[in-house]
């Protein structure tokens, strides 16, 4: 499988849940509000023998009037129309911002990848509208509700025989993770339950998680299983290591 990180850059985030750009070469983290976290925003493309998969969708920011996610895809040599499946770990605004876009004529939100099938947990979509701001932006998610391209999942299962999805909770109540097995390789995407390499190697409990203890325990389990079975881990928020494991 071919893995392509689509970095949107580094950001800090504090209690306001606003993502502020951070220049790794020039900015000082201690100049930001106390408790600010430094994260990368990094969707991934995984090209398997059957699909061109997009895993999560970034912040939805624009660069020169164009959705940054689309620009990054094209810079990587991928036509956005080639994306066949969009796999969503959850719908927080830093993961779901680019999966829809606002039509400048009508003002309505449309699916960014109309040729792709979107895979989202039904309960996560429901929770996004129940919970709302600041973690979720409901108006950006409205296009997901009745679109025929959106497959709403219930719990655990397998997509097309090789993409396993599991509803695990942890970071948020209805977070799911994906294990893609193709051509003798295994790629694991844990979203915000497995966001950075260092968190996999330590017993770190995040206060910002819905169930931090469970998320930590899941990371420990996945890391040990992955090392033993040569998984490749995709880290959405790691500023240094996008892909880890053996």
C-alpha atoms as a PDB file:
ATOM      1  CA  UNK A   1       0.000   0.000   0.000  1.00  0.00           C
ATOM      2  CA  UNK A   2       1.113   3.540  -0.664  1.00  0.00           C
ATOM      3  CA  UNK A   3       0.675   6.047   2.173  1.00  0.00           C
ATOM      4  CA  UNK A   4       0.600   9.800   1.510  1.00  0.00           C
ATOM      5  CA  UNK A   5       0.444  12.235   4.475  1.00  0.00           C
ATOM      6  CA  UNK A   6      -1.414  15.452   3.612  1.00  0.00           C
ATOM      7  CA  UNK A   7      -0.055  17.837   6.217  1.00  0.00           C
ATOM      8  CA  UNK A   8      -1.942  21.100   6.702  1.00  0.00           C
ATOM      9  CA  UNK A   9       0.742  22.421   9.055  1.00  0.00           C
ATOM     10  CA  UNK A  10       1.360  22.751  12.769  1.00  0.00           C
ATOM     11  CA  UNK A  11      -1.052  24.475  15.144  1.00  0.00           C
ATOM     12  CA  UNK A  12      -1.532  25.175  18.811  1.00  0.00           C
ATOM     13  CA  UNK A  13      -4.853  24.649  20.524  1.00  0.00           C
ATOM     14  CA  UNK A  14      -5.895  25.711  24.023  1.00  0.00           C
ATOM     15  CA  UNK A  15      -9.113  25.752  26.018  1.00  0.00           C
ATOM     16  CA  UNK A  16     -10.838  27.898  23.404  1.00  0.00           C
ATOM     17  CA  UNK A  17     -10.462  25.009  20.903  1.00  0.00           C
ATOM     18  CA  UNK A  18      -9.212  27.446  18.275  1.00  0.00           C
ATOM     19  CA  UNK A  19      -6.429  26.207  15.998  1.00  0.00           C
ATOM     20  CA  UNK A  20      -3.685  28.836  15.715  1.00  0.00           C
ATOM     21  CA  UNK A  21      -0.909  28.310  13.097  1.00  0.00           C
ATOM     22  CA  UNK A  22       2.503  27.609  14.597  1.00  0.00           C
ATOM     23  CA  UNK A  23       5.842  28.038  12.810  1.00  0.00           C
ATOM     24  CA  UNK A  24       8.153  25.329  14.137  1.00  0.00           C
ATOM     25  CA  UNK A  25      11.233  27.345  13.158  1.00  0.00           C
ATOM     26  CA  UNK A  26      10.223  30.737  14.520  1.00  0.00           C
ATOM     27  CA  UNK A  27       7.434  30.512  17.116  1.00  0.00           C
ATOM     28  CA  UNK A  28       7.802  29.752  20.831  1.00  0.00           C
ATOM     29  CA  UNK A  29       5.278  27.440  22.453  1.00  0.00           C
ATOM     30  CA  UNK A  30       5.670  29.179  25.811  1.00  0.00           C
ATOM     31  CA  UNK A  31       4.479  32.402  24.176  1.00  0.00           C
ATOM     32  CA  UNK A  32       1.066  30.800  23.679  1.00  0.00           C
ATOM     33  CA  UNK A  33      -1.541  30.493  26.483  1.00  0.00           C
ATOM     34  CA  UNK A  34      -0.637  28.098  29.292  1.00  0.00           C
ATOM     35  CA  UNK A  35      -1.745  24.573  28.467  1.00  0.00           C
ATOM     36  CA  UNK A  36      -1.557  25.028  24.694  1.00  0.00           C
ATOM     37  CA  UNK A  37      -0.994  21.801  22.800  1.00  0.00           C
ATOM     38  CA  UNK A  38       1.180  21.625  19.688  1.00  0.00           C
ATOM     39  CA  UNK A  39      -0.309  19.405  16.986  1.00  0.00           C
ATOM     40  CA  UNK A  40      -0.027  18.665  13.301  1.00  0.00           C
ATOM     41  CA  UNK A  41      -3.184  18.436  11.207  1.00  0.00           C
ATOM     42  CA  UNK A  42      -2.556  15.550   8.867  1.00  0.00           C
ATOM     43  CA  UNK A  43      -5.139  13.625   6.853  1.00  0.00           C
ATOM     44  CA  UNK A  44      -3.853  10.633   4.905  1.00  0.00           C
ATOM     45  CA  UNK A  45      -4.362   9.001   1.554  1.00  0.00           C
ATOM     46  CA  UNK A  46      -3.853   5.247   1.430  1.00  0.00           C
ATOM     47  CA  UNK A  47      -3.746   3.713  -2.033  1.00  0.00           C
ATOM     48  CA  UNK A  48      -4.636   0.024  -1.856  1.00  0.00           C
ATOM     49  CA  UNK A  49      -5.063  -2.526  -4.605  1.00  0.00           C
ATOM     50  CA  UNK A  50      -8.769  -1.626  -4.754  1.00  0.00           C
ATOM     51  CA  UNK A  51      -9.216   1.975  -3.609  1.00  0.00           C
ATOM     52  CA  UNK A  52      -7.861   5.453  -3.121  1.00  0.00           C
ATOM     53  CA  UNK A  53      -8.790   6.026   0.522  1.00  0.00           C
ATOM     54  CA  UNK A  54      -8.929   9.345   2.349  1.00  0.00           C
ATOM     55  CA  UNK A  55      -8.643   9.070   6.133  1.00  0.00           C
ATOM     56  CA  UNK A  56     -10.184  12.110   7.846  1.00  0.00           C
ATOM     57  CA  UNK A  57     -10.441  15.517   6.241  1.00  0.00           C
ATOM     58  CA  UNK A  58      -8.451  18.265   7.939  1.00  0.00           C
ATOM     59  CA  UNK A  59      -9.563  21.694   9.075  1.00  0.00           C
ATOM     60  CA  UNK A  60     -11.291  22.852   5.914  1.00  0.00           C
ATOM     61  CA  UNK A  61      -9.138  25.976   5.621  1.00  0.00           C
ATOM     62  CA  UNK A  62      -8.658  27.600   2.224  1.00  0.00           C
ATOM     63  CA  UNK A  63      -5.399  28.516   0.502  1.00  0.00           C
ATOM     64  CA  UNK A  64      -5.680  31.105  -2.303  1.00  0.00           C
ATOM     65  CA  UNK A  65      -9.434  30.517  -2.494  1.00  0.00           C
ATOM     66  CA  UNK A  66      -9.093  26.729  -2.710  1.00  0.00           C
ATOM     67  CA  UNK A  67      -9.745  24.110  -0.053  1.00  0.00           C
ATOM     68  CA  UNK A  68      -6.332  23.205   1.348  1.00  0.00           C
ATOM     69  CA  UNK A  69      -7.192  19.511   1.332  1.00  0.00           C
ATOM     70  CA  UNK A  70      -7.836  19.600  -2.413  1.00  0.00           C
ATOM     71  CA  UNK A  71      -4.627  21.528  -3.054  1.00  0.00           C
ATOM     72  CA  UNK A  72      -2.629  19.015  -1.032  1.00  0.00           C
ATOM     73  CA  UNK A  73      -4.154  16.124  -2.938  1.00  0.00           C
ATOM     74  CA  UNK A  74      -3.316  17.659  -6.294  1.00  0.00           C
ATOM     75  CA  UNK A  75       0.195  18.544  -5.133  1.00  0.00           C
ATOM     76  CA  UNK A  76       0.582  14.840  -4.323  1.00  0.00           C
ATOM     77  CA  UNK A  77      -0.501  13.925  -7.843  1.00  0.00           C
ATOM     78  CA  UNK A  78      -4.000  12.779  -6.905  1.00  0.00           C
ATOM     79  CA  UNK A  79      -7.096  14.069  -8.648  1.00  0.00           C
ATOM     80  CA  UNK A  80      -9.771  14.561  -5.928  1.00  0.00           C
ATOM     81  CA  UNK A  81     -12.190  12.717  -8.199  1.00  0.00           C
ATOM     82  CA  UNK A  82     -10.065   9.596  -7.752  1.00  0.00           C
ATOM     83  CA  UNK A  83     -10.925   9.283  -4.055  1.00  0.00           C
ATOM     84  CA  UNK A  84     -13.197   6.252  -3.755  1.00  0.00           C
ATOM     85  CA  UNK A  85     -13.755   6.053   0.009  1.00  0.00           C
ATOM     86  CA  UNK A  86     -13.631   8.612   2.821  1.00  0.00           C
ATOM     87  CA  UNK A  87     -13.074   6.942   6.212  1.00  0.00           C
ATOM     88  CA  UNK A  88     -13.946   9.183   9.161  1.00  0.00           C
ATOM     89  CA  UNK A  89     -12.640   8.391  12.654  1.00  0.00           C
ATOM     90  CA  UNK A  90     -14.935  11.072  14.117  1.00  0.00           C
ATOM     91  CA  UNK A  91     -16.384  14.451  13.188  1.00  0.00           C
ATOM     92  CA  UNK A  92     -14.534  17.000  15.312  1.00  0.00           C
ATOM     93  CA  UNK A  93     -13.913  20.146  13.298  1.00  0.00           C
ATOM     94  CA  UNK A  94     -10.186  19.504  12.807  1.00  0.00           C
ATOM     95  CA  UNK A  95     -10.959  16.125  11.244  1.00  0.00           C
ATOM     96  CA  UNK A  96     -14.142  16.887   9.309  1.00  0.00           C
ATOM     97  CA  UNK A  97     -13.579  20.439   8.061  1.00  0.00           C
ATOM     98  CA  UNK A  98     -12.554  19.394   4.559  1.00  0.00           C
ATOM     99  CA  UNK A  99     -15.087  16.672   3.789  1.00  0.00           C
ATOM    100  CA  UNK A 100     -17.682  19.276   2.811  1.00  0.00           C
ATOM    101  CA  UNK A 101     -17.347  22.723   1.278  1.00  0.00           C
ATOM    102  CA  UNK A 102     -19.523  25.808   1.089  1.00  0.00           C
ATOM    103  CA  UNK A 103     -20.866  26.582  -2.361  1.00  0.00           C
ATOM    104  CA  UNK A 104     -20.053  30.236  -2.974  1.00  0.00           C
ATOM    105  CA  UNK A 105     -23.202  30.714  -5.081  1.00  0.00           C
ATOM    106  CA  UNK A 106     -25.853  29.089  -2.914  1.00  0.00           C
ATOM    107  CA  UNK A 107     -24.127  29.239   0.466  1.00  0.00           C
ATOM    108  CA  UNK A 108     -25.028  25.595   1.056  1.00  0.00           C
ATOM    109  CA  UNK A 109     -22.529  22.930   2.064  1.00  0.00           C
ATOM    110  CA  UNK A 110     -21.830  20.138  -0.426  1.00  0.00           C
ATOM    111  CA  UNK A 111     -19.791  16.939  -0.261  1.00  0.00           C
ATOM    112  CA  UNK A 112     -16.201  17.634  -1.299  1.00  0.00           C
ATOM    113  CA  UNK A 113     -15.844  14.146  -2.798  1.00  0.00           C
ATOM    114  CA  UNK A 114     -19.141  13.315  -4.537  1.00  0.00           C
ATOM    115  CA  UNK A 115     -17.609  10.289  -6.305  1.00  0.00           C
ATOM    116  CA  UNK A 116     -16.553   8.715  -2.996  1.00  0.00           C
ATOM    117  CA  UNK A 117     -18.464   6.737  -0.399  1.00  0.00           C
ATOM    118  CA  UNK A 118     -18.220   8.245   3.088  1.00  0.00           C
ATOM    119  CA  UNK A 119     -18.111   5.892   6.102  1.00  0.00           C
ATOM    120  CA  UNK A 120     -19.285   7.480   9.366  1.00  0.00           C
ATOM    121  CA  UNK A 121     -20.714   6.091  12.588  1.00  0.00           C
ATOM    122  CA  UNK A 122     -24.425   6.924  12.823  1.00  0.00           C
ATOM    123  CA  UNK A 123     -24.161   7.701  16.541  1.00  0.00           C
ATOM    124  CA  UNK A 124     -21.199  10.012  15.934  1.00  0.00           C
ATOM    125  CA  UNK A 125     -23.182  12.011  13.399  1.00  0.00           C
ATOM    126  CA  UNK A 126     -26.151  12.222  15.764  1.00  0.00           C
ATOM    127  CA  UNK A 127     -23.872  13.255  18.634  1.00  0.00           C
ATOM    128  CA  UNK A 128     -22.244  15.968  16.520  1.00  0.00           C
ATOM    129  CA  UNK A 129     -25.608  17.719  16.107  1.00  0.00           C
ATOM    130  CA  UNK A 130     -26.495  17.169  19.747  1.00  0.00           C
ATOM    131  CA  UNK A 131     -23.176  18.482  21.082  1.00  0.00           C
ATOM    132  CA  UNK A 132     -22.452  21.234  18.541  1.00  0.00           C
ATOM    133  CA  UNK A 133     -19.862  23.968  18.982  1.00  0.00           C
ATOM    134  CA  UNK A 134     -17.019  24.349  19.649  1.00  0.00           C
ATOM    135  CA  UNK A 135     -15.854  20.781  18.934  1.00  0.00           C
ATOM    136  CA  UNK A 136     -18.315  20.174  16.091  1.00  0.00           C
ATOM    137  CA  UNK A 137     -19.595  22.556  13.405  1.00  0.00           C
ATOM    138  CA  UNK A 138     -23.091  21.236  12.610  1.00  0.00           C
ATOM    139  CA  UNK A 139     -23.715  23.430   9.557  1.00  0.00           C
ATOM    140  CA  UNK A 140     -20.681  21.904   7.848  1.00  0.00           C
ATOM    141  CA  UNK A 141     -22.028  18.408   8.539  1.00  0.00           C
ATOM    142  CA  UNK A 142     -25.596  18.954   7.307  1.00  0.00           C
ATOM    143  CA  UNK A 143     -24.702  17.642   3.825  1.00  0.00           C
ATOM    144  CA  UNK A 144     -23.864  14.252   5.348  1.00  0.00           C
ATOM    145  CA  UNK A 145     -27.341  13.611   6.678  1.00  0.00           C
ATOM    146  CA  UNK A 146     -29.232  12.498   3.581  1.00  0.00           C
ATOM    147  CA  UNK A 147     -26.559  12.048   0.927  1.00  0.00           C
ATOM    148  CA  UNK A 148     -26.720   8.630  -0.785  1.00  0.00           C
ATOM    149  CA  UNK A 149     -22.902   8.482  -0.819  1.00  0.00           C
ATOM    150  CA  UNK A 150     -22.804   8.443   2.999  1.00  0.00           C
ATOM    151  CA  UNK A 151     -22.865   5.023   4.658  1.00  0.00           C
ATOM    152  CA  UNK A 152     -23.872   5.316   8.289  1.00  0.00           C
ATOM    153  CA  UNK A 153     -22.323   2.519  10.327  1.00  0.00           C
ATOM    154  CA  UNK A 154     -23.545   0.842  13.492  1.00  0.00           C
ATOM    155  CA  UNK A 155     -20.747  -0.580  15.617  1.00  0.00           C
ATOM    156  CA  UNK A 156     -18.029  -2.825  14.214  1.00  0.00           C
ATOM    157  CA  UNK A 157     -17.676  -4.376  10.785  1.00  0.00           C
ATOM    158  CA  UNK A 158     -15.718  -4.863   7.583  1.00  0.00           C
ATOM    159  CA  UNK A 159     -15.836  -2.855   4.354  1.00  0.00           C
ATOM    160  CA  UNK A 160     -15.245  -4.739   1.092  1.00  0.00           C
ATOM    161  CA  UNK A 161     -13.504  -7.569   2.886  1.00  0.00           C
ATOM    162  CA  UNK A 162     -10.302  -5.721   3.820  1.00  0.00           C
ATOM    163  CA  UNK A 163     -11.084  -2.548   5.821  1.00  0.00           C
ATOM    164  CA  UNK A 164     -12.009  -3.302   9.412  1.00  0.00           C
ATOM    165  CA  UNK A 165     -13.736  -0.612  11.457  1.00  0.00           C
ATOM    166  CA  UNK A 166     -14.296  -0.689  15.207  1.00  0.00           C
ATOM    167  CA  UNK A 167     -16.352   1.601  17.414  1.00  0.00           C
ATOM    168  CA  UNK A 168     -14.138   2.192  20.461  1.00  0.00           C
ATOM    169  CA  UNK A 169     -15.047   5.522  22.092  1.00  0.00           C
ATOM    170  CA  UNK A 170     -12.163   6.925  24.118  1.00  0.00           C
ATOM    171  CA  UNK A 171     -11.402  10.356  22.678  1.00  0.00           C
ATOM    172  CA  UNK A 172     -15.116  10.974  22.087  1.00  0.00           C
ATOM    173  CA  UNK A 173     -18.088   8.677  22.764  1.00  0.00           C
ATOM    174  CA  UNK A 174     -18.477   7.302  19.216  1.00  0.00           C
ATOM    175  CA  UNK A 175     -14.932   7.400  17.846  1.00  0.00           C
ATOM    176  CA  UNK A 176     -14.022   4.588  15.427  1.00  0.00           C
ATOM    177  CA  UNK A 177     -10.672   3.232  14.227  1.00  0.00           C
ATOM    178  CA  UNK A 178      -9.660   1.486  11.010  1.00  0.00           C
ATOM    179  CA  UNK A 179      -7.366  -1.424  10.190  1.00  0.00           C
ATOM    180  CA  UNK A 180      -6.637  -1.846   6.488  1.00  0.00           C
ATOM    181  CA  UNK A 181      -5.184  -5.191   5.423  1.00  0.00           C
ATOM    182  CA  UNK A 182      -4.045  -5.464   1.812  1.00  0.00           C
ATOM    183  CA  UNK A 183      -1.225  -7.158  -0.050  1.00  0.00           C
ATOM    184  CA  UNK A 184       0.297  -8.609   3.094  1.00  0.00           C
ATOM    185  CA  UNK A 185       0.463  -5.187   4.804  1.00  0.00           C
ATOM    186  CA  UNK A 186      -1.559  -3.740   7.675  1.00  0.00           C
ATOM    187  CA  UNK A 187      -2.181  -0.023   8.119  1.00  0.00           C
ATOM    188  CA  UNK A 188      -3.796   1.172  11.348  1.00  0.00           C
ATOM    189  CA  UNK A 189      -5.483   4.553  11.788  1.00  0.00           C
ATOM    190  CA  UNK A 190      -6.553   5.378  15.314  1.00  0.00           C
ATOM    191  CA  UNK A 191      -7.511   9.020  14.782  1.00  0.00           C
ATOM    192  CA  UNK A 192      -7.399  10.900  18.092  1.00  0.00           C
ATOM    193  CA  UNK A 193      -7.141   7.715  20.142  1.00  0.00           C
ATOM    194  CA  UNK A 194      -3.689   7.175  18.622  1.00  0.00           C
ATOM    195  CA  UNK A 195      -2.665  10.690  17.560  1.00  0.00           C
ATOM    196  CA  UNK A 196       1.103  10.745  18.155  1.00  0.00           C
ATOM    197  CA  UNK A 197       3.950   8.243  18.349  1.00  0.00           C
ATOM    198  CA  UNK A 198       5.033   9.293  21.834  1.00  0.00           C
ATOM    199  CA  UNK A 199       1.563   8.646  23.235  1.00  0.00           C
ATOM    200  CA  UNK A 200       1.747   5.064  21.994  1.00  0.00           C
ATOM    201  CA  UNK A 201       4.922   4.487  24.002  1.00  0.00           C
ATOM    202  CA  UNK A 202       3.738   5.938  27.316  1.00  0.00           C
ATOM    203  CA  UNK A 203       0.822   5.599  29.698  1.00  0.00           C
ATOM    204  CA  UNK A 204      -0.416   9.087  28.901  1.00  0.00           C
ATOM    205  CA  UNK A 205      -3.961   9.969  29.982  1.00  0.00           C
ATOM    206  CA  UNK A 206      -5.269  13.056  28.188  1.00  0.00           C
ATOM    207  CA  UNK A 207      -7.593  15.359  30.109  1.00  0.00           C
ATOM    208  CA  UNK A 208      -9.193  16.457  26.837  1.00  0.00           C
ATOM    209  CA  UNK A 209     -10.445  12.928  26.052  1.00  0.00           C
ATOM    210  CA  UNK A 210     -13.988  11.827  26.870  1.00  0.00           C
ATOM    211  CA  UNK A 211     -12.528   8.696  28.516  1.00  0.00           C
ATOM    212  CA  UNK A 212      -8.789   9.258  28.797  1.00  0.00           C
ATOM    213  CA  UNK A 213      -8.075   6.038  30.689  1.00  0.00           C
ATOM    214  CA  UNK A 214      -9.775   3.937  28.031  1.00  0.00           C
ATOM    215  CA  UNK A 215      -7.954   5.770  25.234  1.00  0.00           C
ATOM    216  CA  UNK A 216      -4.620   5.121  26.982  1.00  0.00           C
ATOM    217  CA  UNK A 217      -5.414   1.434  27.426  1.00  0.00           C
ATOM    218  CA  UNK A 218      -6.429   1.106  23.787  1.00  0.00           C
ATOM    219  CA  UNK A 219      -3.166   2.724  22.667  1.00  0.00           C
ATOM    220  CA  UNK A 220      -1.157   0.282  24.760  1.00  0.00           C
ATOM    221  CA  UNK A 221      -3.047  -2.677  23.296  1.00  0.00           C
ATOM    222  CA  UNK A 222      -2.752  -1.492  19.691  1.00  0.00           C
ATOM    223  CA  UNK A 223       0.929  -0.644  20.002  1.00  0.00           C
ATOM    224  CA  UNK A 224       1.890  -4.053  21.369  1.00  0.00           C
ATOM    225  CA  UNK A 225      -0.256  -5.877  18.816  1.00  0.00           C
ATOM    226  CA  UNK A 226       1.024  -3.674  16.010  1.00  0.00           C
ATOM    227  CA  UNK A 227       4.682  -4.154  16.870  1.00  0.00           C
ATOM    228  CA  UNK A 228       4.212  -7.912  17.013  1.00  0.00           C
ATOM    229  CA  UNK A 229       2.427  -7.963  13.656  1.00  0.00           C
ATOM    230  CA  UNK A 230       4.350  -5.249  11.776  1.00  0.00           C
ATOM    231  CA  UNK A 231       1.539  -2.722  11.460  1.00  0.00           C
ATOM    232  CA  UNK A 232       2.092   0.745  10.061  1.00  0.00           C
ATOM    233  CA  UNK A 233       0.491   3.394  12.284  1.00  0.00           C
ATOM    234  CA  UNK A 234      -0.785   6.681  10.863  1.00  0.00           C
ATOM    235  CA  UNK A 235      -0.472   9.593  13.312  1.00  0.00           C
ATOM    236  CA  UNK A 236      -2.838  12.462  12.523  1.00  0.00           C
ATOM    237  CA  UNK A 237      -1.436  14.927  15.077  1.00  0.00           C
ATOM    238  CA  UNK A 238       2.287  14.081  15.186  1.00  0.00           C
ATOM    239  CA  UNK A 239       4.482  17.033  14.188  1.00  0.00           C
ATOM    240  CA  UNK A 240       7.505  14.813  13.445  1.00  0.00           C
ATOM    241  CA  UNK A 241       6.395  11.248  12.680  1.00  0.00           C
ATOM    242  CA  UNK A 242       3.416  10.791  10.330  1.00  0.00           C
ATOM    243  CA  UNK A 243       3.906   7.014   9.957  1.00  0.00           C
ATOM    244  CA  UNK A 244       5.317   4.805  12.719  1.00  0.00           C
ATOM    245  CA  UNK A 245       5.757   1.179  13.720  1.00  0.00           C
ATOM    246  CA  UNK A 246       7.796  -1.554  12.116  1.00  0.00           C
END
